[in-house]
Amino acid sequence: MIYTTNPVEAFASHHSQAHQGKAAWVSDTALIKQIYLCLIHNEKSWKRSAYGWKAIQRDLTEKYGERFSKHLIEK
């Protein structure tokens, strides 16, 4: 299993839910504030790790060796 996400689509989905039913904003600043608050509210979901990632990482390292492991970010 390889877990993938598309951050652009995820942002668009969260943003559309946040402004559902809203026809317009009173100013550009109001729109920017809403986008900022939407990003802050959903930041937690972006930091979630994939289910079984350690096992996936181990298998990919075993199969591809240095080609894979050199791209890992140590925490």
PDB file of N, CA and C in Angstrom:
ATOM      1  N   MET A   1       0.840  -1.178   0.000  1.00  0.00           N
ATOM      2  CA  MET A   1       0.000   0.000   0.000  1.00  0.00           C
ATOM      3  C   MET A   1       0.885   1.241   0.000  1.00  0.00           C
ATOM      4  N   ILE A   2       0.611   2.159  -0.876  1.00  0.00           N
ATOM      5  CA  ILE A   2       1.267   3.456  -0.862  1.00  0.00           C
ATOM      6  C   ILE A   2       0.166   4.503  -0.727  1.00  0.00           C
ATOM      7  N   TYR A   3       0.285   5.332   0.295  1.00  0.00           N
ATOM      8  CA  TYR A   3      -0.711   6.337   0.597  1.00  0.00           C
ATOM      9  C   TYR A   3      -0.335   7.625  -0.114  1.00  0.00           C
ATOM     10  N   THR A   4      -1.275   8.182  -0.851  1.00  0.00           N
ATOM     11  CA  THR A   4      -0.985   9.434  -1.537  1.00  0.00           C
ATOM     12  C   THR A   4      -2.051  10.461  -1.195  1.00  0.00           C
ATOM     13  N   THR A   5      -1.685  11.709  -1.280  1.00  0.00           N
ATOM     14  CA  THR A   5      -2.633  12.804  -1.091  1.00  0.00           C
ATOM     15  C   THR A   5      -2.378  13.840  -2.158  1.00  0.00           C
ATOM     16  N   ASN A   6      -3.368  14.599  -2.430  1.00  0.00           N
ATOM     17  CA  ASN A   6      -3.207  15.706  -3.348  1.00  0.00           C
ATOM     18  C   ASN A   6      -3.548  16.966  -2.569  1.00  0.00           C
ATOM     19  N   PRO A   7      -2.545  17.693  -2.086  1.00  0.00           N
ATOM     20  CA  PRO A   7      -2.802  18.865  -1.243  1.00  0.00           C
ATOM     21  C   PRO A   7      -3.671  19.932  -1.902  1.00  0.00           C
ATOM     22  N   VAL A   8      -3.542  20.114  -3.198  1.00  0.00           N
ATOM     23  CA  VAL A   8      -4.338  21.132  -3.878  1.00  0.00           C
ATOM     24  C   VAL A   8      -5.818  20.752  -3.841  1.00  0.00           C
ATOM     25  N   GLU A   9      -6.122  19.499  -4.150  1.00  0.00           N
ATOM     26  CA  GLU A   9      -7.517  19.048  -4.110  1.00  0.00           C
ATOM     27  C   GLU A   9      -8.069  19.061  -2.692  1.00  0.00           C
ATOM     28  N   ALA A  10      -7.239  18.696  -1.724  1.00  0.00           N
ATOM     29  CA  ALA A  10      -7.681  18.709  -0.330  1.00  0.00           C
ATOM     30  C   ALA A  10      -8.000  20.137   0.106  1.00  0.00           C
ATOM     31  N   PHE A  11      -7.134  21.082  -0.267  1.00  0.00           N
ATOM     32  CA  PHE A  11      -7.394  22.479   0.075  1.00  0.00           C
ATOM     33  C   PHE A  11      -8.677  22.961  -0.582  1.00  0.00           C
ATOM     34  N   ALA A  12      -8.859  22.662  -1.858  1.00  0.00           N
ATOM     35  CA  ALA A  12     -10.061  23.099  -2.572  1.00  0.00           C
ATOM     36  C   ALA A  12     -11.320  22.536  -1.914  1.00  0.00           C
ATOM     37  N   SER A  13     -11.265  21.290  -1.495  1.00  0.00           N
ATOM     38  CA  SER A  13     -12.404  20.668  -0.833  1.00  0.00           C
ATOM     39  C   SER A  13     -12.720  21.345   0.495  1.00  0.00           C
ATOM     40  N   HIS A  14     -11.690  21.567   1.319  1.00  0.00           N
ATOM     41  CA  HIS A  14     -11.900  22.218   2.616  1.00  0.00           C
ATOM     42  C   HIS A  14     -12.373  23.657   2.440  1.00  0.00           C
ATOM     43  N   HIS A  15     -11.810  24.339   1.461  1.00  0.00           N
ATOM     44  CA  HIS A  15     -12.202  25.731   1.232  1.00  0.00           C
ATOM     45  C   HIS A  15     -13.640  25.812   0.743  1.00  0.00           C
ATOM     46  N   SER A  16     -14.044  24.924  -0.142  1.00  0.00           N
ATOM     47  CA  SER A  16     -15.425  24.968  -0.641  1.00  0.00           C
ATOM     48  C   SER A  16     -16.427  24.641   0.461  1.00  0.00           C
ATOM     49  N   GLN A  17     -16.053  23.753   1.382  1.00  0.00           N
ATOM     50  CA  GLN A  17     -16.929  23.464   2.520  1.00  0.00           C
ATOM     51  C   GLN A  17     -17.050  24.687   3.423  1.00  0.00           C
ATOM     52  N   ALA A  18     -15.959  25.428   3.586  1.00  0.00           N
ATOM     53  CA  ALA A  18     -15.950  26.588   4.475  1.00  0.00           C
ATOM     54  C   ALA A  18     -16.810  27.731   3.943  1.00  0.00           C
ATOM     55  N   HIS A  19     -16.860  27.887   2.647  1.00  0.00           N
ATOM     56  CA  HIS A  19     -17.627  29.017   2.109  1.00  0.00           C
ATOM     57  C   HIS A  19     -18.904  28.578   1.388  1.00  0.00           C
ATOM     58  N   GLN A  20     -19.362  27.396   1.668  1.00  0.00           N
ATOM     59  CA  GLN A  20     -20.582  26.884   1.039  1.00  0.00           C
ATOM     60  C   GLN A  20     -21.739  27.849   1.311  1.00  0.00           C
ATOM     61  N   GLY A  21     -22.406  28.266   0.272  1.00  0.00           N
ATOM     62  CA  GLY A  21     -23.542  29.168   0.398  1.00  0.00           C
ATOM     63  C   GLY A  21     -23.167  30.637   0.429  1.00  0.00           C
ATOM     64  N   LYS A  22     -21.884  30.951   0.421  1.00  0.00           N
ATOM     65  CA  LYS A  22     -21.444  32.347   0.451  1.00  0.00           C
ATOM     66  C   LYS A  22     -21.246  32.823  -0.982  1.00  0.00           C
ATOM     67  N   ALA A  23     -21.946  33.872  -1.352  1.00  0.00           N
ATOM     68  CA  ALA A  23     -21.890  34.352  -2.731  1.00  0.00           C
ATOM     69  C   ALA A  23     -20.688  35.254  -2.988  1.00  0.00           C
ATOM     70  N   ALA A  24     -20.330  36.078  -1.996  1.00  0.00           N
ATOM     71  CA  ALA A  24     -19.228  37.016  -2.205  1.00  0.00           C
ATOM     72  C   ALA A  24     -18.647  37.427  -0.860  1.00  0.00           C
ATOM     73  N   TRP A  25     -17.459  38.021  -0.909  1.00  0.00           N
ATOM     74  CA  TRP A  25     -16.805  38.535   0.300  1.00  0.00           C
ATOM     75  C   TRP A  25     -16.847  40.056   0.225  1.00  0.00           C
ATOM     76  N   VAL A  26     -16.851  40.697   1.372  1.00  0.00           N
ATOM     77  CA  VAL A  26     -16.944  42.158   1.397  1.00  0.00           C
ATOM     78  C   VAL A  26     -15.658  42.826   0.903  1.00  0.00           C
ATOM     79  N   SER A  27     -14.544  42.107   1.002  1.00  0.00           N
ATOM     80  CA  SER A  27     -13.275  42.662   0.524  1.00  0.00           C
ATOM     81  C   SER A  27     -12.298  41.530   0.238  1.00  0.00           C
ATOM     82  N   ASP A  28     -11.212  41.883  -0.391  1.00  0.00           N
ATOM     83  CA  ASP A  28     -10.159  40.900  -0.641  1.00  0.00           C
ATOM     84  C   ASP A  28      -9.572  40.402   0.676  1.00  0.00           C
ATOM     85  N   THR A  29      -9.495  41.305   1.647  1.00  0.00           N
ATOM     86  CA  THR A  29      -8.946  40.941   2.955  1.00  0.00           C
ATOM     87  C   THR A  29      -9.809  39.876   3.623  1.00  0.00           C
ATOM     88  N   ALA A  30     -11.120  39.997   3.484  1.00  0.00           N
ATOM     89  CA  ALA A  30     -12.025  39.008   4.077  1.00  0.00           C
ATOM     90  C   ALA A  30     -11.806  37.631   3.459  1.00  0.00           C
ATOM     91  N   LEU A  31     -11.603  37.590   2.152  1.00  0.00           N
ATOM     92  CA  LEU A  31     -11.331  36.322   1.473  1.00  0.00           C
ATOM     93  C   LEU A  31     -10.004  35.733   1.940  1.00  0.00           C
ATOM     94  N   ILE A  32      -8.986  36.564   2.037  1.00  0.00           N
ATOM     95  CA  ILE A  32      -7.669  36.098   2.482  1.00  0.00           C
ATOM     96  C   ILE A  32      -7.743  35.568   3.911  1.00  0.00           C
ATOM     97  N   LYS A  33      -8.500  36.251   4.773  1.00  0.00           N
ATOM     98  CA  LYS A  33      -8.669  35.785   6.156  1.00  0.00           C
ATOM     99  C   LYS A  33      -9.344  34.419   6.189  1.00  0.00           C
ATOM    100  N   GLN A  34     -10.379  34.244   5.349  1.00  0.00           N
ATOM    101  CA  GLN A  34     -11.068  32.958   5.335  1.00  0.00           C
ATOM    102  C   GLN A  34     -10.140  31.851   4.844  1.00  0.00           C
ATOM    103  N   ILE A  35      -9.352  32.101   3.833  1.00  0.00           N
ATOM    104  CA  ILE A  35      -8.402  31.111   3.328  1.00  0.00           C
ATOM    105  C   ILE A  35      -7.383  30.759   4.413  1.00  0.00           C
ATOM    106  N   TYR A  36      -6.871  31.776   5.101  1.00  0.00           N
ATOM    107  CA  TYR A  36      -5.908  31.556   6.177  1.00  0.00           C
ATOM    108  C   TYR A  36      -6.512  30.695   7.278  1.00  0.00           C
ATOM    109  N   LEU A  37      -7.715  31.036   7.724  1.00  0.00           N
ATOM    110  CA  LEU A  37      -8.359  30.273   8.796  1.00  0.00           C
ATOM    111  C   LEU A  37      -8.650  28.833   8.364  1.00  0.00           C
ATOM    112  N   CYS A  38      -9.006  28.649   7.117  1.00  0.00           N
ATOM    113  CA  CYS A  38      -9.251  27.302   6.589  1.00  0.00           C
ATOM    114  C   CYS A  38      -7.955  26.493   6.614  1.00  0.00           C
ATOM    115  N   LEU A  39      -6.857  27.113   6.231  1.00  0.00           N
ATOM    116  CA  LEU A  39      -5.562  26.420   6.243  1.00  0.00           C
ATOM    117  C   LEU A  39      -5.149  26.043   7.660  1.00  0.00           C
ATOM    118  N   ILE A  40      -5.289  26.961   8.603  1.00  0.00           N
ATOM    119  CA  ILE A  40      -4.916  26.698   9.993  1.00  0.00           C
ATOM    120  C   ILE A  40      -5.795  25.592  10.582  1.00  0.00           C
ATOM    121  N   HIS A  41      -7.089  25.630  10.288  1.00  0.00           N
ATOM    122  CA  HIS A  41      -8.022  24.642  10.827  1.00  0.00           C
ATOM    123  C   HIS A  41      -7.702  23.228  10.328  1.00  0.00           C
ATOM    124  N   ASN A  42      -7.244  23.115   9.091  1.00  0.00           N
ATOM    125  CA  ASN A  42      -7.021  21.797   8.496  1.00  0.00           C
ATOM    126  C   ASN A  42      -5.561  21.362   8.519  1.00  0.00           C
ATOM    127  N   GLU A  43      -4.698  22.110   9.165  1.00  0.00           N
ATOM    128  CA  GLU A  43      -3.277  21.783   9.233  1.00  0.00           C
ATOM    129  C   GLU A  43      -3.046  20.425   9.897  1.00  0.00           C
ATOM    130  N   LYS A  44      -3.852  20.097  10.886  1.00  0.00           N
ATOM    131  CA  LYS A  44      -3.702  18.836  11.613  1.00  0.00           C
ATOM    132  C   LYS A  44      -3.825  17.627  10.675  1.00  0.00           C
ATOM    133  N   SER A  45      -4.743  17.682   9.734  1.00  0.00           N
ATOM    134  CA  SER A  45      -4.948  16.541   8.836  1.00  0.00           C
ATOM    135  C   SER A  45      -3.763  16.337   7.885  1.00  0.00           C
ATOM    136  N   TRP A  46      -3.008  17.394   7.591  1.00  0.00           N
ATOM    137  CA  TRP A  46      -1.861  17.259   6.689  1.00  0.00           C
ATOM    138  C   TRP A  46      -0.697  16.587   7.377  1.00  0.00           C
ATOM    139  N   LYS A  47      -0.632  16.693   8.686  1.00  0.00           N
ATOM    140  CA  LYS A  47       0.497  16.139   9.430  1.00  0.00           C
ATOM    141  C   LYS A  47       0.273  14.687   9.831  1.00  0.00           C
ATOM    142  N   ARG A  48      -0.883  14.158   9.517  1.00  0.00           N
ATOM    143  CA  ARG A  48      -1.200  12.770   9.841  1.00  0.00           C
ATOM    144  C   ARG A  48      -0.353  11.835   8.985  1.00  0.00           C
ATOM    145  N   SER A  49       0.165  10.791   9.580  1.00  0.00           N
ATOM    146  CA  SER A  49       0.974   9.854   8.801  1.00  0.00           C
ATOM    147  C   SER A  49       0.087   8.751   8.216  1.00  0.00           C
ATOM    148  N   ALA A  50       0.563   8.136   7.192  1.00  0.00           N
ATOM    149  CA  ALA A  50      -0.180   7.081   6.516  1.00  0.00           C
ATOM    150  C   ALA A  50      -0.239   5.829   7.388  1.00  0.00           C
ATOM    151  N   TYR A  51      -1.342   5.127   7.303  1.00  0.00           N
ATOM    152  CA  TYR A  51      -1.506   3.881   8.043  1.00  0.00           C
ATOM    153  C   TYR A  51      -0.480   2.866   7.551  1.00  0.00           C
ATOM    154  N   GLY A  52       0.271   2.283   8.472  1.00  0.00           N
ATOM    155  CA  GLY A  52       1.255   1.264   8.118  1.00  0.00           C
ATOM    156  C   GLY A  52       2.487   1.800   7.414  1.00  0.00           C
ATOM    157  N   TRP A  53       2.773   3.109   7.575  1.00  0.00           N
ATOM    158  CA  TRP A  53       3.879   3.721   6.846  1.00  0.00           C
ATOM    159  C   TRP A  53       5.223   3.097   7.171  1.00  0.00           C
ATOM    160  N   LYS A  54       5.450   2.726   8.423  1.00  0.00           N
ATOM    161  CA  LYS A  54       6.747   2.131   8.793  1.00  0.00           C
ATOM    162  C   LYS A  54       7.005   0.842   8.010  1.00  0.00           C
ATOM    163  N   ALA A  55       5.971   0.007   7.879  1.00  0.00           N
ATOM    164  CA  ALA A  55       6.117  -1.246   7.130  1.00  0.00           C
ATOM    165  C   ALA A  55       6.343  -0.965   5.639  1.00  0.00           C
ATOM    166  N   ILE A  56       5.632   0.024   5.120  1.00  0.00           N
ATOM    167  CA  ILE A  56       5.794   0.400   3.711  1.00  0.00           C
ATOM    168  C   ILE A  56       7.203   0.920   3.473  1.00  0.00           C
ATOM    169  N   GLN A  57       7.655   1.769   4.381  1.00  0.00           N
ATOM    170  CA  GLN A  57       8.998   2.336   4.285  1.00  0.00           C
ATOM    171  C   GLN A  57      10.066   1.243   4.314  1.00  0.00           C
ATOM    172  N   ARG A  58       9.888   0.286   5.198  1.00  0.00           N
ATOM    173  CA  ARG A  58      10.833  -0.828   5.313  1.00  0.00           C
ATOM    174  C   ARG A  58      10.872  -1.637   4.010  1.00  0.00           C
ATOM    175  N   ASP A  59       9.688  -1.934   3.451  1.00  0.00           N
ATOM    176  CA  ASP A  59       9.624  -2.710   2.207  1.00  0.00           C
ATOM    177  C   ASP A  59      10.259  -1.960   1.034  1.00  0.00           C
ATOM    178  N   LEU A  60       9.984  -0.650   0.947  1.00  0.00           N
ATOM    179  CA  LEU A  60      10.560   0.132  -0.146  1.00  0.00           C
ATOM    180  C   LEU A  60      12.071   0.251  -0.015  1.00  0.00           C
ATOM    181  N   THR A  61      12.561   0.399   1.213  1.00  0.00           N
ATOM    182  CA  THR A  61      14.003   0.459   1.436  1.00  0.00           C
ATOM    183  C   THR A  61      14.649  -0.868   1.071  1.00  0.00           C
ATOM    184  N   GLU A  62      13.973  -1.953   1.422  1.00  0.00           N
ATOM    185  CA  GLU A  62      14.500  -3.284   1.098  1.00  0.00           C
ATOM    186  C   GLU A  62      14.552  -3.498  -0.408  1.00  0.00           C
ATOM    187  N   LYS A  63      13.517  -3.038  -1.108  1.00  0.00           N
ATOM    188  CA  LYS A  63      13.438  -3.257  -2.552  1.00  0.00           C
ATOM    189  C   LYS A  63      14.342  -2.299  -3.346  1.00  0.00           C
ATOM    190  N   TYR A  64      14.355  -1.008  -2.952  1.00  0.00           N
ATOM    191  CA  TYR A  64      15.068  -0.007  -3.736  1.00  0.00           C
ATOM    192  C   TYR A  64      16.344   0.521  -3.083  1.00  0.00           C
ATOM    193  N   GLY A  65      16.576   0.154  -1.846  1.00  0.00           N
ATOM    194  CA  GLY A  65      17.825   0.523  -1.175  1.00  0.00           C
ATOM    195  C   GLY A  65      18.060   2.019  -1.100  1.00  0.00           C
ATOM    196  N   GLU A  66      19.251   2.419  -1.490  1.00  0.00           N
ATOM    197  CA  GLU A  66      19.669   3.812  -1.408  1.00  0.00           C
ATOM    198  C   GLU A  66      18.816   4.736  -2.270  1.00  0.00           C
ATOM    199  N   ARG A  67      18.288   4.232  -3.384  1.00  0.00           N
ATOM    200  CA  ARG A  67      17.447   5.064  -4.255  1.00  0.00           C
ATOM    201  C   ARG A  67      16.255   5.616  -3.489  1.00  0.00           C
ATOM    202  N   PHE A  68      15.718   4.841  -2.549  1.00  0.00           N
ATOM    203  CA  PHE A  68      14.576   5.287  -1.746  1.00  0.00           C
ATOM    204  C   PHE A  68      15.034   5.973  -0.462  1.00  0.00           C
ATOM    205  N   SER A  69      15.928   5.363   0.252  1.00  0.00           N
ATOM    206  CA  SER A  69      16.286   5.844   1.590  1.00  0.00           C
ATOM    207  C   SER A  69      16.944   7.218   1.600  1.00  0.00           C
ATOM    208  N   LYS A  70      17.589   7.610   0.507  1.00  0.00           N
ATOM    209  CA  LYS A  70      18.230   8.927   0.484  1.00  0.00           C
ATOM    210  C   LYS A  70      17.203  10.065   0.488  1.00  0.00           C
ATOM    211  N   HIS A  71      15.943   9.768   0.184  1.00  0.00           N
ATOM    212  CA  HIS A  71      14.901  10.790   0.156  1.00  0.00           C
ATOM    213  C   HIS A  71      14.093  10.861   1.446  1.00  0.00           C
ATOM    214  N   LEU A  72      14.396  10.001   2.397  1.00  0.00           N
ATOM    215  CA  LEU A  72      13.658   9.996   3.664  1.00  0.00           C
ATOM    216  C   LEU A  72      14.069  11.178   4.521  1.00  0.00           C
ATOM    217  N   ILE A  73      13.111  11.742   5.196  1.00  0.00           N
ATOM    218  CA  ILE A  73      13.365  12.841   6.114  1.00  0.00           C
ATOM    219  C   ILE A  73      13.346  12.281   7.526  1.00  0.00           C
ATOM    220  N   GLU A  74      14.440  12.449   8.216  1.00  0.00           N
ATOM    221  CA  GLU A  74      14.535  11.948   9.596  1.00  0.00           C
ATOM    222  C   GLU A  74      13.832  12.906  10.535  1.00  0.00           C
ATOM    223  N   LYS A  75      13.045  12.365  11.458  1.00  0.00           N
ATOM    224  CA  LYS A  75      12.345  13.203  12.443  1.00  0.00           C
ATOM    225  C   LYS A  75      13.023  13.114  13.774  1.00  0.00           C
TER     226      LYS A  75
END
